[in-house]
Amino acid sequence: MLGQTFLKLFEEKTIECVNCSIMPICVGRCPVRYLQDAKPPCPSWKYNIEGRMALSYAIDQVGGVEALKKTVQATQS
């Protein structure tokens, strides 16, 4: 069965998900796609999560998106 095949790959640590730092959050996505494409179907945010977190923090610190835009524009002038 497909589920058993995926679990076997996971137990043998032959898939990237075993060492992935966001594995619990992405929920492993679709094992069928992994077996078909031979690569994990990682969510796109995996590759820019640090930047997103920094941007979210900056927005919170200055009081919103508009305030952040003004702050950035002021530093560029």
PDB file of N, CA and C in Angstrom:
ATOM      1  N   MET A   1       0.828  -1.182   0.000  1.00  0.00           N
ATOM      2  CA  MET A   1       0.000   0.000   0.000  1.00  0.00           C
ATOM      3  C   MET A   1       0.876   1.250   0.000  1.00  0.00           C
ATOM      4  N   LEU A   2       0.335   2.317  -0.533  1.00  0.00           N
ATOM      5  CA  LEU A   2       1.066   3.576  -0.655  1.00  0.00           C
ATOM      6  C   LEU A   2       1.495   4.129   0.691  1.00  0.00           C
ATOM      7  N   GLY A   3       0.612   4.117   1.650  1.00  0.00           N
ATOM      8  CA  GLY A   3       0.933   4.635   2.976  1.00  0.00           C
ATOM      9  C   GLY A   3       2.088   3.890   3.613  1.00  0.00           C
ATOM     10  N   GLN A   4       2.100   2.569   3.455  1.00  0.00           N
ATOM     11  CA  GLN A   4       3.185   1.772   4.016  1.00  0.00           C
ATOM     12  C   GLN A   4       4.500   2.075   3.318  1.00  0.00           C
ATOM     13  N   THR A   5       4.460   2.284   2.003  1.00  0.00           N
ATOM     14  CA  THR A   5       5.667   2.614   1.245  1.00  0.00           C
ATOM     15  C   THR A   5       6.237   3.937   1.724  1.00  0.00           C
ATOM     16  N   PHE A   6       5.386   4.937   1.906  1.00  0.00           N
ATOM     17  CA  PHE A   6       5.836   6.244   2.376  1.00  0.00           C
ATOM     18  C   PHE A   6       6.423   6.142   3.773  1.00  0.00           C
ATOM     19  N   LEU A   7       5.754   5.412   4.663  1.00  0.00           N
ATOM     20  CA  LEU A   7       6.267   5.247   6.021  1.00  0.00           C
ATOM     21  C   LEU A   7       7.609   4.533   6.025  1.00  0.00           C
ATOM     22  N   LYS A   8       7.770   3.565   5.134  1.00  0.00           N
ATOM     23  CA  LYS A   8       9.047   2.855   5.044  1.00  0.00           C
ATOM     24  C   LYS A   8      10.152   3.820   4.621  1.00  0.00           C
ATOM     25  N   LEU A   9       9.880   4.679   3.637  1.00  0.00           N
ATOM     26  CA  LEU A   9      10.862   5.675   3.209  1.00  0.00           C
ATOM     27  C   LEU A   9      11.201   6.614   4.355  1.00  0.00           C
ATOM     28  N   PHE A  10      10.190   6.987   5.109  1.00  0.00           N
ATOM     29  CA  PHE A  10      10.388   7.901   6.231  1.00  0.00           C
ATOM     30  C   PHE A  10      11.238   7.231   7.315  1.00  0.00           C
ATOM     31  N   GLU A  11      10.945   5.986   7.614  1.00  0.00           N
ATOM     32  CA  GLU A  11      11.705   5.255   8.630  1.00  0.00           C
ATOM     33  C   GLU A  11      13.156   5.057   8.201  1.00  0.00           C
ATOM     34  N   GLU A  12      13.382   4.865   6.908  1.00  0.00           N
ATOM     35  CA  GLU A  12      14.737   4.667   6.398  1.00  0.00           C
ATOM     36  C   GLU A  12      15.483   5.985   6.238  1.00  0.00           C
ATOM     37  N   LYS A  13      14.790   7.084   6.518  1.00  0.00           N
ATOM     38  CA  LYS A  13      15.364   8.426   6.420  1.00  0.00           C
ATOM     39  C   LYS A  13      15.905   8.725   5.022  1.00  0.00           C
ATOM     40  N   THR A  14      15.175   8.268   4.007  1.00  0.00           N
ATOM     41  CA  THR A  14      15.588   8.520   2.636  1.00  0.00           C
ATOM     42  C   THR A  14      14.846   9.702   2.020  1.00  0.00           C
ATOM     43  N   ILE A  15      14.037  10.367   2.808  1.00  0.00           N
ATOM     44  CA  ILE A  15      13.336  11.541   2.301  1.00  0.00           C
ATOM     45  C   ILE A  15      13.782  12.761   3.096  1.00  0.00           C
ATOM     46  N   GLU A  16      13.747  13.914   2.464  1.00  0.00           N
ATOM     47  CA  GLU A  16      14.210  15.158   3.081  1.00  0.00           C
ATOM     48  C   GLU A  16      13.387  15.565   4.305  1.00  0.00           C
ATOM     49  N   CYS A  17      12.152  15.162   4.367  1.00  0.00           N
ATOM     50  CA  CYS A  17      11.257  15.584   5.447  1.00  0.00           C
ATOM     51  C   CYS A  17      11.789  15.199   6.824  1.00  0.00           C
ATOM     52  N   VAL A  18      12.555  14.138   6.909  1.00  0.00           N
ATOM     53  CA  VAL A  18      13.041  13.663   8.202  1.00  0.00           C
ATOM     54  C   VAL A  18      13.857  14.741   8.906  1.00  0.00           C
ATOM     55  N   ASN A  19      14.657  15.498   8.177  1.00  0.00           N
ATOM     56  CA  ASN A  19      15.515  16.518   8.771  1.00  0.00           C
ATOM     57  C   ASN A  19      15.002  17.942   8.572  1.00  0.00           C
ATOM     58  N   CYS A  20      13.795  18.086   8.118  1.00  0.00           N
ATOM     59  CA  CYS A  20      13.247  19.406   7.820  1.00  0.00           C
ATOM     60  C   CYS A  20      12.855  20.137   9.096  1.00  0.00           C
ATOM     61  N   SER A  21      13.240  21.406   9.177  1.00  0.00           N
ATOM     62  CA  SER A  21      12.947  22.188  10.377  1.00  0.00           C
ATOM     63  C   SER A  21      11.482  22.634  10.465  1.00  0.00           C
ATOM     64  N   ILE A  22      10.736  22.561   9.376  1.00  0.00           N
ATOM     65  CA  ILE A  22       9.328  22.968   9.424  1.00  0.00           C
ATOM     66  C   ILE A  22       8.367  21.788   9.295  1.00  0.00           C
ATOM     67  N   MET A  23       8.871  20.580   9.363  1.00  0.00           N
ATOM     68  CA  MET A  23       8.045  19.389   9.161  1.00  0.00           C
ATOM     69  C   MET A  23       6.749  19.377   9.959  1.00  0.00           C
ATOM     70  N   PRO A  24       6.742  19.658  11.220  1.00  0.00           N
ATOM     71  CA  PRO A  24       5.443  19.593  11.910  1.00  0.00           C
ATOM     72  C   PRO A  24       4.453  20.634  11.402  1.00  0.00           C
ATOM     73  N   ILE A  25       4.949  21.766  10.934  1.00  0.00           N
ATOM     74  CA  ILE A  25       4.061  22.840  10.490  1.00  0.00           C
ATOM     75  C   ILE A  25       3.474  22.541   9.116  1.00  0.00           C
ATOM     76  N   CYS A  26       4.281  22.005   8.217  1.00  0.00           N
ATOM     77  CA  CYS A  26       3.798  21.736   6.853  1.00  0.00           C
ATOM     78  C   CYS A  26       2.962  20.471   6.792  1.00  0.00           C
ATOM     79  N   VAL A  27       2.997  19.678   7.839  1.00  0.00           N
ATOM     80  CA  VAL A  27       2.244  18.433   7.973  1.00  0.00           C
ATOM     81  C   VAL A  27       2.672  17.393   6.934  1.00  0.00           C
ATOM     82  N   GLY A  28       3.854  17.538   6.380  1.00  0.00           N
ATOM     83  CA  GLY A  28       4.365  16.537   5.461  1.00  0.00           C
ATOM     84  C   GLY A  28       3.764  16.582   4.073  1.00  0.00           C
ATOM     85  N   ARG A  29       2.759  17.393   3.894  1.00  0.00           N
ATOM     86  CA  ARG A  29       2.078  17.531   2.608  1.00  0.00           C
ATOM     87  C   ARG A  29       1.629  16.175   2.068  1.00  0.00           C
ATOM     88  N   CYS A  30       1.696  15.968   0.773  1.00  0.00           N
ATOM     89  CA  CYS A  30       1.087  14.789   0.154  1.00  0.00           C
ATOM     90  C   CYS A  30       2.108  13.692  -0.143  1.00  0.00           C
ATOM     91  N   PRO A  31       2.010  12.543   0.498  1.00  0.00           N
ATOM     92  CA  PRO A  31       2.957  11.470   0.225  1.00  0.00           C
ATOM     93  C   PRO A  31       2.861  10.944  -1.200  1.00  0.00           C
ATOM     94  N   VAL A  32       1.686  11.028  -1.807  1.00  0.00           N
ATOM     95  CA  VAL A  32       1.539  10.570  -3.190  1.00  0.00           C
ATOM     96  C   VAL A  32       2.395  11.427  -4.112  1.00  0.00           C
ATOM     97  N   ARG A  33       2.354  12.746  -3.925  1.00  0.00           N
ATOM     98  CA  ARG A  33       3.192  13.621  -4.756  1.00  0.00           C
ATOM     99  C   ARG A  33       4.663  13.353  -4.528  1.00  0.00           C
ATOM    100  N   TYR A  34       5.023  13.048  -3.280  1.00  0.00           N
ATOM    101  CA  TYR A  34       6.427  12.759  -2.999  1.00  0.00           C
ATOM    102  C   TYR A  34       6.876  11.542  -3.793  1.00  0.00           C
ATOM    103  N   LEU A  35       6.067  10.503  -3.794  1.00  0.00           N
ATOM    104  CA  LEU A  35       6.438   9.281  -4.500  1.00  0.00           C
ATOM    105  C   LEU A  35       6.428   9.482  -6.015  1.00  0.00           C
ATOM    106  N   GLN A  36       5.539  10.315  -6.527  1.00  0.00           N
ATOM    107  CA  GLN A  36       5.472  10.558  -7.966  1.00  0.00           C
ATOM    108  C   GLN A  36       6.612  11.443  -8.444  1.00  0.00           C
ATOM    109  N   ASP A  37       6.911  12.505  -7.710  1.00  0.00           N
ATOM    110  CA  ASP A  37       7.912  13.472  -8.141  1.00  0.00           C
ATOM    111  C   ASP A  37       9.308  13.181  -7.602  1.00  0.00           C
ATOM    112  N   ALA A  38       9.411  12.282  -6.641  1.00  0.00           N
ATOM    113  CA  ALA A  38      10.675  11.931  -5.986  1.00  0.00           C
ATOM    114  C   ALA A  38      11.296  13.119  -5.251  1.00  0.00           C
ATOM    115  N   LYS A  39      10.462  14.055  -4.839  1.00  0.00           N
ATOM    116  CA  LYS A  39      10.921  15.164  -4.010  1.00  0.00           C
ATOM    117  C   LYS A  39       9.750  15.650  -3.180  1.00  0.00           C
ATOM    118  N   PRO A  40      10.025  16.165  -2.006  1.00  0.00           N
ATOM    119  CA  PRO A  40       8.906  16.617  -1.173  1.00  0.00           C
ATOM    120  C   PRO A  40       8.248  17.866  -1.747  1.00  0.00           C
ATOM    121  N   PRO A  41       6.934  17.918  -1.739  1.00  0.00           N
ATOM    122  CA  PRO A  41       6.216  19.101  -2.218  1.00  0.00           C
ATOM    123  C   PRO A  41       6.157  20.170  -1.137  1.00  0.00           C
ATOM    124  N   CYS A  42       7.301  20.749  -0.850  1.00  0.00           N
ATOM    125  CA  CYS A  42       7.389  21.733   0.227  1.00  0.00           C
ATOM    126  C   CYS A  42       6.583  22.988  -0.092  1.00  0.00           C
ATOM    127  N   PRO A  43       5.980  23.580   0.931  1.00  0.00           N
ATOM    128  CA  PRO A  43       5.265  24.836   0.711  1.00  0.00           C
ATOM    129  C   PRO A  43       6.262  25.942   0.379  1.00  0.00           C
ATOM    130  N   SER A  44       5.855  26.885  -0.439  1.00  0.00           N
ATOM    131  CA  SER A  44       6.765  27.942  -0.881  1.00  0.00           C
ATOM    132  C   SER A  44       7.284  28.789   0.277  1.00  0.00           C
ATOM    133  N   TRP A  45       6.496  28.957   1.318  1.00  0.00           N
ATOM    134  CA  TRP A  45       6.926  29.793   2.433  1.00  0.00           C
ATOM    135  C   TRP A  45       8.089  29.194   3.204  1.00  0.00           C
ATOM    136  N   LYS A  46       8.402  27.927   2.972  1.00  0.00           N
ATOM    137  CA  LYS A  46       9.546  27.308   3.652  1.00  0.00           C
ATOM    138  C   LYS A  46      10.834  28.065   3.333  1.00  0.00           C
ATOM    139  N   TYR A  47      10.906  28.603   2.137  1.00  0.00           N
ATOM    140  CA  TYR A  47      12.139  29.218   1.665  1.00  0.00           C
ATOM    141  C   TYR A  47      12.255  30.704   2.005  1.00  0.00           C
ATOM    142  N   ASN A  48      11.190  31.308   2.513  1.00  0.00           N
ATOM    143  CA  ASN A  48      11.278  32.725   2.877  1.00  0.00           C
ATOM    144  C   ASN A  48      10.640  33.020   4.237  1.00  0.00           C
ATOM    145  N   ILE A  49      10.560  32.017   5.084  1.00  0.00           N
ATOM    146  CA  ILE A  49       9.896  32.187   6.386  1.00  0.00           C
ATOM    147  C   ILE A  49      10.628  33.194   7.263  1.00  0.00           C
ATOM    148  N   GLU A  50      11.962  33.213   7.214  1.00  0.00           N
ATOM    149  CA  GLU A  50      12.710  34.153   8.049  1.00  0.00           C
ATOM    150  C   GLU A  50      12.412  35.599   7.650  1.00  0.00           C
ATOM    151  N   GLY A  51      12.369  35.873   6.362  1.00  0.00           N
ATOM    152  CA  GLY A  51      12.052  37.213   5.884  1.00  0.00           C
ATOM    153  C   GLY A  51      10.638  37.620   6.237  1.00  0.00           C
ATOM    154  N   ARG A  52       9.714  36.682   6.127  1.00  0.00           N
ATOM    155  CA  ARG A  52       8.324  36.968   6.484  1.00  0.00           C
ATOM    156  C   ARG A  52       8.189  37.299   7.970  1.00  0.00           C
ATOM    157  N   MET A  53       8.913  36.541   8.795  1.00  0.00           N
ATOM    158  CA  MET A  53       8.863  36.798  10.236  1.00  0.00           C
ATOM    159  C   MET A  53       9.474  38.158  10.562  1.00  0.00           C
ATOM    160  N   ALA A  54      10.579  38.499   9.912  1.00  0.00           N
ATOM    161  CA  ALA A  54      11.223  39.798  10.147  1.00  0.00           C
ATOM    162  C   ALA A  54      10.302  40.928   9.715  1.00  0.00           C
ATOM    163  N   LEU A  55       9.655  40.775   8.573  1.00  0.00           N
ATOM    164  CA  LEU A  55       8.726  41.795   8.091  1.00  0.00           C
ATOM    165  C   LEU A  55       7.546  41.945   9.037  1.00  0.00           C
ATOM    166  N   SER A  56       7.009  40.840   9.495  1.00  0.00           N
ATOM    167  CA  SER A  56       5.888  40.886  10.434  1.00  0.00           C
ATOM    168  C   SER A  56       6.293  41.599  11.723  1.00  0.00           C
ATOM    169  N   TYR A  57       7.481  41.301  12.208  1.00  0.00           N
ATOM    170  CA  TYR A  57       7.980  41.959  13.420  1.00  0.00           C
ATOM    171  C   TYR A  57       8.137  43.462  13.195  1.00  0.00           C
ATOM    172  N   ALA A  58       8.718  43.833  12.056  1.00  0.00           N
ATOM    173  CA  ALA A  58       8.924  45.250  11.745  1.00  0.00           C
ATOM    174  C   ALA A  58       7.590  45.988  11.659  1.00  0.00           C
ATOM    175  N   ILE A  59       6.608  45.376  11.031  1.00  0.00           N
ATOM    176  CA  ILE A  59       5.280  45.989  10.920  1.00  0.00           C
ATOM    177  C   ILE A  59       4.677  46.200  12.308  1.00  0.00           C
ATOM    178  N   ASP A  60       4.810  45.193  13.166  1.00  0.00           N
ATOM    179  CA  ASP A  60       4.269  45.312  14.527  1.00  0.00           C
ATOM    180  C   ASP A  60       4.973  46.417  15.314  1.00  0.00           C
ATOM    181  N   GLN A  61       6.276  46.556  15.131  1.00  0.00           N
ATOM    182  CA  GLN A  61       7.059  47.516  15.909  1.00  0.00           C
ATOM    183  C   GLN A  61       6.758  48.964  15.540  1.00  0.00           C
ATOM    184  N   VAL A  62       6.471  49.229  14.258  1.00  0.00           N
ATOM    185  CA  VAL A  62       6.232  50.615  13.844  1.00  0.00           C
ATOM    186  C   VAL A  62       4.757  50.969  13.795  1.00  0.00           C
ATOM    187  N   GLY A  63       3.883  49.998  14.008  1.00  0.00           N
ATOM    188  CA  GLY A  63       2.463  50.310  14.092  1.00  0.00           C
ATOM    189  C   GLY A  63       1.670  50.110  12.820  1.00  0.00           C
ATOM    190  N   GLY A  64       2.079  49.239  11.969  1.00  0.00           N
ATOM    191  CA  GLY A  64       1.302  48.918  10.781  1.00  0.00           C
ATOM    192  C   GLY A  64       2.080  49.069   9.488  1.00  0.00           C
ATOM    193  N   VAL A  65       1.473  48.617   8.426  1.00  0.00           N
ATOM    194  CA  VAL A  65       2.109  48.611   7.115  1.00  0.00           C
ATOM    195  C   VAL A  65       2.402  50.027   6.624  1.00  0.00           C
ATOM    196  N   GLU A  66       1.439  50.921   6.752  1.00  0.00           N
ATOM    197  CA  GLU A  66       1.634  52.297   6.282  1.00  0.00           C
ATOM    198  C   GLU A  66       2.765  52.986   7.032  1.00  0.00           C
ATOM    199  N   ALA A  67       2.833  52.779   8.331  1.00  0.00           N
ATOM    200  CA  ALA A  67       3.913  53.375   9.125  1.00  0.00           C
ATOM    201  C   ALA A  67       5.267  52.807   8.699  1.00  0.00           C
ATOM    202  N   LEU A  68       5.308  51.517   8.389  1.00  0.00           N
ATOM    203  CA  LEU A  68       6.557  50.905   7.927  1.00  0.00           C
ATOM    204  C   LEU A  68       6.978  51.498   6.586  1.00  0.00           C
ATOM    205  N   LYS A  69       6.008  51.695   5.692  1.00  0.00           N
ATOM    206  CA  LYS A  69       6.325  52.317   4.386  1.00  0.00           C
ATOM    207  C   LYS A  69       6.925  53.704   4.580  1.00  0.00           C
ATOM    208  N   LYS A  70       6.329  54.484   5.467  1.00  0.00           N
ATOM    209  CA  LYS A  70       6.838  55.839   5.723  1.00  0.00           C
ATOM    210  C   LYS A  70       8.243  55.795   6.312  1.00  0.00           C
ATOM    211  N   THR A  71       8.470  54.856   7.219  1.00  0.00           N
ATOM    212  CA  THR A  71       9.795  54.715   7.829  1.00  0.00           C
ATOM    213  C   THR A  71      10.834  54.352   6.770  1.00  0.00           C
ATOM    214  N   VAL A  72      10.492  53.440   5.897  1.00  0.00           N
ATOM    215  CA  VAL A  72      11.425  53.019   4.828  1.00  0.00           C
ATOM    216  C   VAL A  72      11.681  54.176   3.882  1.00  0.00           C
ATOM    217  N   GLN A  73      10.633  54.892   3.479  1.00  0.00           N
ATOM    218  CA  GLN A  73      10.798  56.035   2.583  1.00  0.00           C
ATOM    219  C   GLN A  73      11.662  57.113   3.218  1.00  0.00           C
ATOM    220  N   ALA A  74      11.505  57.341   4.507  1.00  0.00           N
ATOM    221  CA  ALA A  74      12.285  58.361   5.199  1.00  0.00           C
ATOM    222  C   ALA A  74      13.766  57.985   5.243  1.00  0.00           C
ATOM    223  N   THR A  75      14.071  56.708   5.355  1.00  0.00           N
ATOM    224  CA  THR A  75      15.474  56.296   5.394  1.00  0.00           C
ATOM    225  C   THR A  75      16.120  56.305   4.013  1.00  0.00           C
ATOM    226  N   GLN A  76      15.294  56.243   2.977  1.00  0.00           N
ATOM    227  CA  GLN A  76      15.823  56.255   1.614  1.00  0.00           C
ATOM    228  C   GLN A  76      16.060  57.679   1.119  1.00  0.00           C
ATOM    229  N   SER A  77      15.497  58.663   1.777  1.00  0.00           N
ATOM    230  CA  SER A  77      15.625  60.055   1.340  1.00  0.00           C
ATOM    231  C   SER A  77      16.875  60.704   1.872  1.00  0.00           C
TER     232      SER A  77
END
